[in-house]
Amino acid sequence: MENLPGSGYVAPSQKSEDQPKTKEPRARFGLMSALVRLGLAVLVLGLAVYWALSWVAQRPEVPQRMNRERTFTVEVIDPVYASHSAGIMAYGQVASARTIELRSLVAGRVLEISPNFAVGSQVEEGEVLVRVDPFTYSGAVVEARAAVADAELSLAEAQEAYSLEQSAIAAAQDALTSAQTDLERAQSLLESGAATQQTVDTRALTVSERRQALDQRQSNLVTLNAQILRQQAAIAQAGYALEAAERDLANTEITAPFTGIVTARNVTASAYVGANEAVASIYESEALEVSFMVSDANYATLQRDGLFDRPVSVARTTGTGGEAISGRIARVAPEIDAATGGVTLYAVLENEQGDLLRPGTFVSVEIEGMAHENTLLVPETALYDDNHLYVIREGRMAAIDVEIRDRDGSRVIIAADVPEGESIITTRLSQAGEGVAVEEEGAEQTAGPEGGPGGPGGGFGRGPGG
């Protein structure tokens, strides 16, 4: 039998010749089997492609979505130019601007104490708080008045003697003048021989005697004048003693020098008090002040704009919020605090409101800041990079340069030139930029033909921050 290719049959003669060669494995499938398998694979693939194309052809068409510009809804404010100021906040403590320690200026036993004289009580101006036994001081007044009366009587006597001596001097002067006239007449008669020398000598002696009498009177007048001066000094001295005695008598009543609150009382009824002994301490309830500290930079700002008499508003830092108390800056500490670098200021509270606080109360102090004319007050969210903001211009964002003048909490005082009719955007947008489409919150929604603002899909991506 002939050897057929692929049949696997080998002739015996040939088989013996090729005995040493390795026997090849017999193929499982033939050419026809391979062709059948290939045909089946092609058929399956064709059916799969057909089914896929049919499914794609039968699938409903997906509506095409148009690309639309995002429009952001924002809040806006109208620009209002005015004078704005940012208050400076500080914290301080209430203190008394006028405190006095009452002392007894006289010594003695305490006879009476006012029922209002107690620690924490309010006493009125002129009210007698303590009364000291006045017996000794009343006697001193009587003695001083008697001394004054005696000195005045002695002065009157000296003045009367002075007046009489002046009259005597006048008479002595007239007598001397008459004697001198007689002497001159006698001398004339002596020259004519009508008078003797003895007559002339007698009349000359008379002139000498009368001159001596006049000199004596004048000397007496000087003495009486000195006596008058001495009595006047005695009257002044006695008057001083009387005034001192009257003051001591008045000082037996210790009175309140002003309306205030008693902070200390060191005396009791029937006790003995010594001169200059402290009996009480009082502060004036209508003279309270607040001490607080500001930074050196704020102090410089206030100093440039006018520091003294600048209004302040004071409120308690603890407890329920009450009515703010107004005041004015009165003075400045002489030195800067080395530890904090701040400057201590003192503000005097208004009289009609100061009694709402007591010394030692911790308070917050708001100082009226520097006024910035023709400026805008905008929220912090309206600013970008601290140098510009955005306005709505024809439905889009437009940048406006600004200059920051001051800050007031979450608001900023700026100088900017915002055109009339344009609104300032206050909503913070992360996508903010020149030309970004925006619309004012609350504006009427109208649908656009292409799904613009107000149309289908027009609200996609709206809202603060996108």
Protein backbone atom coordinates (compact mmCIF):
# COMPACT_ATOMS: atom_id res chain seq x y z
CA MET A 1 0.00 0.00 0.00
CA GLU A 2 1.24 3.35 -0.93
CA ASN A 3 2.09 5.84 1.67
CA LEU A 4 -0.62 8.43 1.85
CA PRO A 5 0.36 11.84 3.10
CA GLY A 6 -1.21 12.46 6.42
CA SER A 7 -2.68 8.93 6.71
CA GLY A 8 -0.14 7.83 9.23
CA TYR A 9 0.50 4.55 7.37
CA VAL A 10 4.16 3.46 6.66
CA ALA A 11 5.26 0.63 4.39
CA PRO A 12 7.05 -2.26 6.04
CA SER A 13 10.18 -1.93 3.98
CA GLN A 14 10.40 1.72 4.66
CA LYS A 15 9.58 1.15 8.27
CA SER A 16 12.49 -1.07 8.71
CA GLU A 17 14.79 1.38 7.10
CA ASP A 18 13.69 4.19 9.36
CA GLN A 19 13.71 2.12 12.47
CA PRO A 20 16.20 4.28 14.30
CA LYS A 21 14.14 7.51 13.75
CA THR A 22 11.71 8.80 16.40
CA LYS A 23 8.01 8.01 15.83
CA GLU A 24 5.88 11.22 15.16
CA PRO A 25 2.55 11.68 17.05
CA ARG A 26 -0.61 11.10 15.14
CA ALA A 27 -2.68 14.25 14.41
CA ARG A 28 -6.13 14.25 16.09
CA PHE A 29 -7.97 16.40 13.51
CA GLY A 30 -7.63 16.80 9.87
CA LEU A 31 -7.89 19.72 7.52
CA MET A 32 -11.64 19.46 7.24
CA SER A 33 -12.07 19.68 10.98
CA ALA A 34 -10.03 22.91 11.08
CA LEU A 35 -12.09 24.42 8.32
CA VAL A 36 -15.33 23.56 10.10
CA ARG A 37 -14.15 25.18 13.29
CA LEU A 38 -13.06 28.33 11.48
CA GLY A 39 -16.43 28.62 9.84
CA LEU A 40 -18.28 28.31 13.12
CA ALA A 41 -16.11 31.03 14.67
CA VAL A 42 -16.76 33.38 11.77
CA LEU A 43 -20.49 32.72 12.05
CA VAL A 44 -20.57 33.45 15.80
CA LEU A 45 -18.60 36.65 15.32
CA GLY A 46 -20.91 37.80 12.56
CA LEU A 47 -23.96 37.16 14.68
CA ALA A 48 -22.42 39.12 17.58
CA VAL A 49 -21.61 42.08 15.34
CA TYR A 50 -25.10 41.98 13.92
CA TRP A 51 -26.72 41.96 17.32
CA ALA A 52 -24.48 44.83 18.54
CA LEU A 53 -25.26 46.97 15.53
CA SER A 54 -28.94 46.24 15.95
CA TRP A 55 -28.82 47.25 19.61
CA VAL A 56 -26.99 50.45 18.79
CA ALA A 57 -29.40 51.25 16.01
CA GLN A 58 -32.43 50.67 18.25
CA ARG A 59 -31.06 52.69 21.24
CA PRO A 60 -32.94 56.01 21.76
CA GLU A 61 -30.91 59.05 20.81
CA VAL A 62 -29.39 60.85 23.77
CA PRO A 63 -30.35 64.54 23.84
CA GLN A 64 -27.38 66.74 23.22
CA ARG A 65 -26.55 69.16 26.07
CA MET A 66 -25.51 72.62 25.06
CA ASN A 67 -22.55 74.32 26.75
CA ARG A 68 -23.84 77.29 28.74
CA GLU A 69 -21.97 80.00 30.66
CA ARG A 70 -22.22 79.71 34.45
CA THR A 71 -24.04 82.58 36.14
CA PHE A 72 -23.55 83.21 39.86
CA THR A 73 -26.20 84.67 42.12
CA VAL A 74 -24.68 87.26 44.44
CA GLU A 75 -25.71 89.65 47.17
CA VAL A 76 -25.03 93.33 46.63
CA ILE A 77 -25.15 96.66 48.47
CA ASP A 78 -25.50 100.16 47.15
CA PRO A 79 -22.49 102.46 47.64
CA VAL A 80 -23.25 105.07 50.31
CA TYR A 81 -20.58 107.72 50.75
CA ALA A 82 -20.46 109.25 54.22
CA SER A 83 -18.20 109.95 57.16
CA HIS A 84 -17.27 106.65 58.82
CA SER A 85 -15.18 105.87 61.87
CA ALA A 86 -13.97 102.63 63.43
CA GLY A 87 -14.14 102.50 67.21
CA ILE A 88 -11.14 101.30 69.24
CA MET A 89 -11.94 98.64 71.84
CA ALA A 90 -10.08 98.46 75.14
CA TYR A 91 -10.61 97.06 78.61
CA GLY A 92 -10.11 98.82 81.91
CA GLN A 93 -11.22 99.30 85.49
CA VAL A 94 -13.37 101.88 87.22
CA ALA A 95 -11.68 103.99 89.88
CA SER A 96 -12.63 106.96 92.01
CA ALA A 97 -11.40 110.30 90.77
CA ARG A 98 -11.87 111.90 94.19
CA THR A 99 -11.31 110.03 97.46
CA ILE A 100 -10.81 111.68 100.83
CA GLU A 101 -9.80 110.47 104.28
CA LEU A 102 -11.70 112.34 106.99
CA ARG A 103 -9.70 113.15 110.13
CA SER A 104 -10.75 114.73 113.41
CA LEU A 105 -9.03 118.10 113.71
CA VAL A 106 -9.79 118.32 117.43
CA ALA A 107 -9.52 115.90 120.31
CA GLY A 108 -12.41 114.88 122.51
CA ARG A 109 -15.11 112.37 123.29
CA VAL A 110 -17.54 111.39 120.53
CA LEU A 111 -21.05 112.46 121.49
CA GLU A 112 -23.00 111.50 118.37
CA ILE A 113 -22.65 109.49 115.11
CA SER A 114 -25.00 109.81 112.12
CA PRO A 115 -27.13 106.70 111.40
CA ASN A 116 -26.08 106.97 107.74
CA PHE A 117 -22.41 106.81 108.69
CA ALA A 118 -21.70 103.16 107.80
CA VAL A 119 -19.44 101.39 105.31
CA GLY A 120 -21.14 101.22 101.91
CA SER A 121 -23.76 103.85 102.75
CA GLN A 122 -24.17 107.06 100.83
CA VAL A 123 -23.86 110.32 102.73
CA GLU A 124 -24.95 113.72 101.50
CA GLU A 125 -22.78 116.80 101.23
CA GLY A 126 -22.78 118.77 104.52
CA GLU A 127 -24.27 115.93 106.57
CA VAL A 128 -22.85 115.75 110.15
CA LEU A 129 -21.22 112.35 110.51
CA VAL A 130 -19.49 112.67 113.90
CA ARG A 131 -20.02 115.17 116.73
CA VAL A 132 -17.24 115.70 119.32
CA ASP A 133 -17.85 117.19 122.80
CA PRO A 134 -17.63 120.99 122.21
CA PHE A 135 -17.43 122.17 125.89
CA THR A 136 -13.72 123.00 125.97
CA TYR A 137 -13.80 124.67 122.58
CA SER A 138 -16.86 126.79 123.45
CA GLY A 139 -14.96 128.11 126.50
CA ALA A 140 -11.96 128.95 124.33
CA VAL A 141 -14.23 130.98 122.06
CA VAL A 142 -15.57 132.95 125.03
CA GLU A 143 -12.05 133.74 126.26
CA ALA A 144 -10.92 134.78 122.80
CA ARG A 145 -13.87 137.11 122.40
CA ALA A 146 -13.09 138.71 125.79
CA ALA A 147 -9.47 139.23 124.73
CA VAL A 148 -10.61 140.89 121.55
CA ALA A 149 -12.97 143.20 123.47
CA ASP A 150 -10.20 144.17 125.93
CA ALA A 151 -7.77 144.94 123.12
CA GLU A 152 -10.39 147.05 121.33
CA LEU A 153 -11.07 149.02 124.57
CA SER A 154 -7.37 149.70 125.06
CA LEU A 155 -7.15 150.88 121.48
CA ALA A 156 -10.04 153.25 122.01
CA GLU A 157 -8.34 154.73 125.10
CA ALA A 158 -5.06 155.19 123.25
CA GLN A 159 -6.83 156.85 120.36
CA GLU A 160 -8.64 159.22 122.74
CA ALA A 161 -5.36 160.15 124.48
CA TYR A 162 -3.79 160.71 121.07
CA SER A 163 -6.60 163.06 120.11
CA LEU A 164 -6.25 165.04 123.36
CA GLU A 165 -2.52 165.32 122.91
CA GLN A 166 -3.00 166.67 119.42
CA SER A 167 -5.24 169.40 120.87
CA ALA A 168 -2.62 170.21 123.54
CA ILE A 169 0.06 170.47 120.89
CA ALA A 170 -2.05 172.94 118.96
CA ALA A 171 -2.49 175.08 122.11
CA ALA A 172 1.23 174.87 122.90
CA GLN A 173 2.01 175.96 119.38
CA ASP A 174 -0.25 179.00 119.74
CA ALA A 175 1.36 179.88 123.12
CA LEU A 176 4.83 179.63 121.61
CA THR A 177 3.82 181.86 118.74
CA SER A 178 2.43 184.48 121.16
CA ALA A 179 5.57 184.38 123.29
CA GLN A 180 7.75 184.85 120.23
CA THR A 181 5.67 187.90 119.24
CA ASP A 182 6.09 189.42 122.73
CA LEU A 183 9.85 188.80 122.56
CA GLU A 184 10.14 190.54 119.21
CA ARG A 185 8.11 193.51 120.52
CA ALA A 186 10.32 193.78 123.64
CA GLN A 187 13.47 193.76 121.51
CA SER A 188 12.08 196.61 119.42
CA LEU A 189 11.24 198.62 122.52
CA LEU A 190 14.73 197.95 123.91
CA GLU A 191 16.28 199.50 120.84
CA SER A 192 14.13 202.63 121.26
CA GLY A 193 14.81 202.77 125.00
CA ALA A 194 11.20 202.11 125.99
CA ALA A 195 11.97 198.70 127.54
CA THR A 196 14.71 197.30 129.68
CA GLN A 197 16.98 194.34 129.07
CA GLN A 198 15.33 192.48 131.90
CA THR A 199 12.01 192.60 130.08
CA VAL A 200 13.62 191.18 126.97
CA ASP A 201 15.29 188.37 128.93
CA THR A 202 12.04 187.48 130.71
CA ARG A 203 10.15 187.23 127.48
CA ALA A 204 12.97 185.16 125.89
CA LEU A 205 12.76 182.74 128.84
CA THR A 206 9.04 182.43 128.28
CA VAL A 207 9.61 181.53 124.63
CA SER A 208 12.12 178.85 125.64
CA GLU A 209 9.75 177.32 128.20
CA ARG A 210 6.87 177.20 125.77
CA ARG A 211 9.07 175.62 123.08
CA GLN A 212 10.09 172.89 125.52
CA ALA A 213 6.43 172.29 126.40
CA LEU A 214 5.60 171.94 122.69
CA ASP A 215 8.45 169.49 122.18
CA GLN A 216 7.24 167.45 125.14
CA ARG A 217 3.72 167.30 123.72
CA GLN A 218 5.00 166.17 120.35
CA SER A 219 7.06 163.45 122.05
CA ASN A 220 3.96 162.33 123.92
CA LEU A 221 2.09 162.16 120.61
CA VAL A 222 4.68 159.76 119.15
CA THR A 223 4.38 157.56 122.23
CA LEU A 224 0.59 157.52 121.99
CA ASN A 225 0.78 156.65 118.28
CA ALA A 226 3.03 153.67 119.08
CA GLN A 227 0.55 152.63 121.74
CA ILE A 228 -2.26 152.74 119.20
CA LEU A 229 -0.26 150.54 116.81
CA ARG A 230 0.47 148.12 119.63
CA GLN A 231 -3.21 147.88 120.51
CA GLN A 232 -4.14 147.33 116.88
CA ALA A 233 -1.66 144.42 116.76
CA ALA A 234 -3.15 143.09 119.97
CA ILE A 235 -6.61 143.24 118.42
CA ALA A 236 -5.37 141.34 115.34
CA GLN A 237 -3.76 138.73 117.58
CA ALA A 238 -6.89 138.39 119.68
CA GLY A 239 -8.97 138.16 116.51
CA TYR A 240 -6.79 135.33 115.22
CA ALA A 241 -7.13 133.51 118.53
CA LEU A 242 -10.90 133.99 118.34
CA GLU A 243 -11.01 132.63 114.76
CA ALA A 244 -8.90 129.62 115.76
CA ALA A 245 -11.19 128.95 118.71
CA GLU A 246 -14.27 129.24 116.50
CA ARG A 247 -12.73 126.87 113.97
CA ASP A 248 -11.95 124.36 116.68
CA LEU A 249 -15.53 124.65 117.85
CA ALA A 250 -16.79 124.12 114.28
CA ASN A 251 -14.44 121.16 113.84
CA THR A 252 -16.19 119.34 116.64
CA GLU A 253 -18.70 118.47 113.88
CA ILE A 254 -17.15 116.26 111.17
CA THR A 255 -19.26 116.68 108.02
CA ALA A 256 -19.25 115.04 104.59
CA PRO A 257 -17.42 117.34 102.12
CA PHE A 258 -19.41 115.94 99.17
CA THR A 259 -22.03 113.37 98.33
CA GLY A 260 -20.24 110.05 98.35
CA ILE A 261 -19.94 106.45 99.50
CA VAL A 262 -18.35 105.52 102.84
CA THR A 263 -15.51 103.03 102.35
CA ALA A 264 -14.15 102.96 105.93
CA ARG A 265 -15.29 104.00 109.43
CA ASN A 266 -12.85 104.03 112.36
CA VAL A 267 -14.83 105.60 115.20
CA THR A 268 -17.67 104.63 117.56
CA ALA A 269 -19.96 106.56 119.87
CA SER A 270 -18.53 107.58 123.29
CA ALA A 271 -15.01 106.81 122.10
CA TYR A 272 -12.19 109.32 122.43
CA VAL A 273 -10.61 110.63 119.26
CA GLY A 274 -7.33 112.44 119.06
CA ALA A 275 -6.42 115.38 116.91
CA ASN A 276 -5.61 114.35 113.33
CA GLU A 277 -6.99 110.84 113.91
CA ALA A 278 -8.59 109.21 110.82
CA VAL A 279 -12.28 108.54 111.35
CA ALA A 280 -13.57 107.71 107.84
CA SER A 281 -12.81 107.36 104.12
CA ILE A 282 -15.25 108.50 101.43
CA TYR A 283 -15.17 108.62 97.63
CA GLU A 284 -17.32 110.93 95.53
CA SER A 285 -19.99 108.89 93.78
CA GLU A 286 -20.32 111.43 90.97
CA ALA A 287 -16.59 111.59 90.23
CA LEU A 288 -15.69 108.20 88.76
CA GLU A 289 -13.16 107.54 86.04
CA VAL A 290 -11.99 104.58 83.97
CA SER A 291 -8.36 103.67 83.41
CA PHE A 292 -7.64 101.61 80.29
CA MET A 293 -4.73 100.85 78.00
CA VAL A 294 -4.38 101.27 74.23
CA SER A 295 -1.54 100.31 71.94
CA ASP A 296 1.11 102.84 71.05
CA ALA A 297 -0.13 102.83 67.42
CA ASN A 298 -3.72 103.57 68.46
CA TYR A 299 -2.47 106.26 70.82
CA ALA A 300 -0.60 107.94 67.96
CA THR A 301 -3.74 107.81 65.80
CA LEU A 302 -5.89 109.33 68.52
CA GLN A 303 -3.27 111.96 69.26
CA ARG A 304 -3.27 113.09 65.62
CA ASP A 305 -7.06 113.29 65.49
CA GLY A 306 -7.51 114.93 68.92
CA LEU A 307 -7.22 112.90 72.10
CA PHE A 308 -8.61 114.96 74.96
CA ASP A 309 -12.39 115.20 75.39
CA ARG A 310 -12.83 112.37 72.86
CA PRO A 311 -16.08 110.50 73.66
CA VAL A 312 -15.93 106.95 75.00
CA SER A 313 -18.62 104.37 75.77
CA VAL A 314 -18.20 102.18 78.86
CA ALA A 315 -20.01 98.89 79.55
CA ARG A 316 -19.63 96.09 82.08
CA THR A 317 -17.62 93.08 80.96
CA THR A 318 -19.47 90.65 83.25
CA GLY A 319 -23.10 89.98 84.03
CA THR A 320 -26.05 91.00 81.95
CA GLY A 321 -25.57 93.73 79.45
CA GLY A 322 -26.68 97.08 80.76
CA GLU A 323 -26.90 100.59 79.49
CA ALA A 324 -23.62 101.93 78.16
CA ILE A 325 -22.19 104.84 80.13
CA SER A 326 -20.68 107.74 78.26
CA GLY A 327 -17.53 109.58 79.20
CA ARG A 328 -14.64 111.62 77.86
CA ILE A 329 -10.88 111.14 77.87
CA ALA A 330 -9.42 113.50 80.48
CA ARG A 331 -5.72 112.68 80.84
CA VAL A 332 -2.87 110.35 79.86
CA ALA A 333 -0.37 108.44 81.97
CA PRO A 334 3.07 110.08 81.86
CA GLU A 335 4.88 106.93 80.69
CA ILE A 336 4.42 104.00 78.33
CA ASP A 337 4.07 100.64 80.07
CA ALA A 338 7.40 98.89 79.51
CA ALA A 339 5.87 95.41 79.86
CA THR A 340 3.04 95.80 77.32
CA GLY A 341 4.14 98.77 75.25
CA GLY A 342 0.74 100.37 75.78
CA VAL A 343 -0.37 103.80 76.97
CA THR A 344 -2.80 104.18 79.88
CA LEU A 345 -5.63 106.66 79.37
CA TYR A 346 -8.15 107.99 81.89
CA ALA A 347 -11.74 108.83 80.99
CA VAL A 348 -14.13 110.69 83.28
CA LEU A 349 -17.66 109.28 83.38
CA GLU A 350 -20.73 111.47 83.04
CA ASN A 351 -22.08 112.56 86.44
CA GLU A 352 -25.67 111.46 85.90
CA GLN A 353 -24.60 107.94 84.97
CA GLY A 354 -21.51 107.33 87.11
CA ASP A 355 -23.48 105.98 90.06
CA LEU A 356 -24.32 102.88 87.99
CA LEU A 357 -20.79 101.60 88.62
CA ARG A 358 -18.57 101.16 91.64
CA PRO A 359 -14.77 101.44 91.85
CA GLY A 360 -13.08 98.19 90.89
CA THR A 361 -15.62 97.22 88.21
CA PHE A 362 -14.02 95.76 85.08
CA VAL A 363 -15.45 97.38 81.96
CA SER A 364 -15.02 97.45 78.21
CA VAL A 365 -14.28 100.81 76.66
CA GLU A 366 -15.12 101.78 73.09
CA ILE A 367 -13.32 104.88 71.89
CA GLU A 368 -14.68 106.92 69.04
CA GLY A 369 -12.25 106.41 66.16
CA MET A 370 -10.91 108.77 63.55
CA ALA A 371 -13.54 110.07 61.12
CA HIS A 372 -12.91 109.28 57.43
CA GLU A 373 -14.85 111.60 55.17
CA ASN A 374 -16.42 110.53 51.87
CA THR A 375 -15.73 106.80 52.38
CA LEU A 376 -17.62 103.52 52.02
CA LEU A 377 -18.34 100.93 54.71
CA VAL A 378 -18.38 97.43 53.17
CA PRO A 379 -18.23 93.86 54.53
CA GLU A 380 -14.88 92.11 54.65
CA THR A 381 -16.19 89.59 52.08
CA ALA A 382 -16.44 92.32 49.45
CA LEU A 383 -12.66 92.83 49.29
CA TYR A 384 -10.19 90.77 47.28
CA ASP A 385 -6.46 90.95 48.04
CA ASP A 386 -7.22 94.04 50.17
CA ASN A 387 -6.91 96.25 47.11
CA HIS A 388 -10.03 95.81 44.94
CA LEU A 389 -13.68 94.86 44.92
CA TYR A 390 -16.22 93.96 42.24
CA VAL A 391 -19.37 95.66 41.04
CA ILE A 392 -22.10 94.47 38.68
CA ARG A 393 -21.68 96.11 35.29
CA GLU A 394 -23.99 94.93 32.53
CA GLY A 395 -24.51 91.58 34.25
CA ARG A 396 -20.80 90.91 34.77
CA MET A 397 -18.18 91.48 37.43
CA ALA A 398 -16.03 94.57 37.08
CA ALA A 399 -13.08 95.31 39.36
CA ILE A 400 -12.70 98.63 41.24
CA ASP A 401 -9.47 99.59 43.03
CA VAL A 402 -9.84 100.55 46.70
CA GLU A 403 -7.76 102.00 49.51
CA ILE A 404 -8.33 100.65 53.02
CA ARG A 405 -8.64 103.45 55.56
CA ASP A 406 -9.66 101.50 58.66
CA ARG A 407 -11.37 98.35 59.92
CA ASP A 408 -14.40 98.05 62.14
CA GLY A 409 -14.76 94.41 63.13
CA SER A 410 -16.01 92.48 60.08
CA ARG A 411 -16.48 95.69 58.11
CA VAL A 412 -13.90 97.79 56.30
CA ILE A 413 -13.79 101.53 55.69
CA ILE A 414 -12.48 102.13 52.18
CA ALA A 415 -11.92 104.92 49.71
CA ALA A 416 -13.10 103.91 46.22
CA ASP A 417 -14.62 105.48 43.13
CA VAL A 418 -17.72 103.39 42.42
CA PRO A 419 -19.69 104.73 39.43
CA GLU A 420 -23.25 105.84 40.10
CA GLY A 421 -25.86 103.13 39.56
CA GLU A 422 -23.50 100.20 40.09
CA SER A 423 -23.85 97.85 43.07
CA ILE A 424 -21.02 96.40 45.13
CA ILE A 425 -20.87 92.58 45.26
CA THR A 426 -20.62 91.32 48.85
CA THR A 427 -20.83 87.55 48.18
CA ARG A 428 -17.43 85.87 48.28
CA LEU A 429 -16.77 83.91 45.05
CA SER A 430 -13.84 81.60 44.54
CA GLN A 431 -14.26 82.07 40.76
CA ALA A 432 -14.41 85.87 41.02
CA GLY A 433 -12.78 87.70 38.18
CA GLU A 434 -13.22 90.35 35.56
CA GLY A 435 -16.14 89.54 33.25
CA VAL A 436 -17.67 86.66 35.28
CA ALA A 437 -21.45 86.54 34.72
CA VAL A 438 -23.47 87.34 37.84
CA GLU A 439 -26.98 88.33 38.74
CA GLU A 440 -28.31 90.02 41.85
CA GLU A 441 -29.99 87.78 44.38
CA GLY A 442 -33.76 88.26 44.32
CA ALA A 443 -33.79 89.63 40.78
CA GLU A 444 -36.74 88.54 38.59
CA GLN A 445 -36.01 85.24 36.79
CA THR A 446 -36.64 85.27 33.03
CA ALA A 447 -35.95 82.31 30.74
CA GLY A 448 -33.55 82.96 27.86
CA PRO A 449 -33.88 81.31 24.41
CA GLU A 450 -30.62 79.48 24.84
CA GLY A 451 -31.08 78.46 28.44
CA GLY A 452 -29.34 81.58 29.75
CA PRO A 453 -29.97 83.06 33.16
CA GLY A 454 -33.40 82.00 34.30
CA GLY A 455 -33.80 79.44 31.49
CA PRO A 456 -33.42 75.68 31.62
CA GLY A 457 -30.12 74.85 33.20
CA GLY A 458 -29.49 78.54 33.81
CA GLY A 459 -29.20 77.98 37.57
CA PHE A 460 -26.46 75.37 37.24
CA GLY A 461 -23.55 76.26 39.44
CA ARG A 462 -25.18 79.37 41.02
CA GLY A 463 -24.79 80.44 44.57
CA PRO A 464 -22.01 81.87 46.61
CA GLY A 465 -18.77 80.22 45.83
CA GLY A 466 -20.15 78.40 42.73
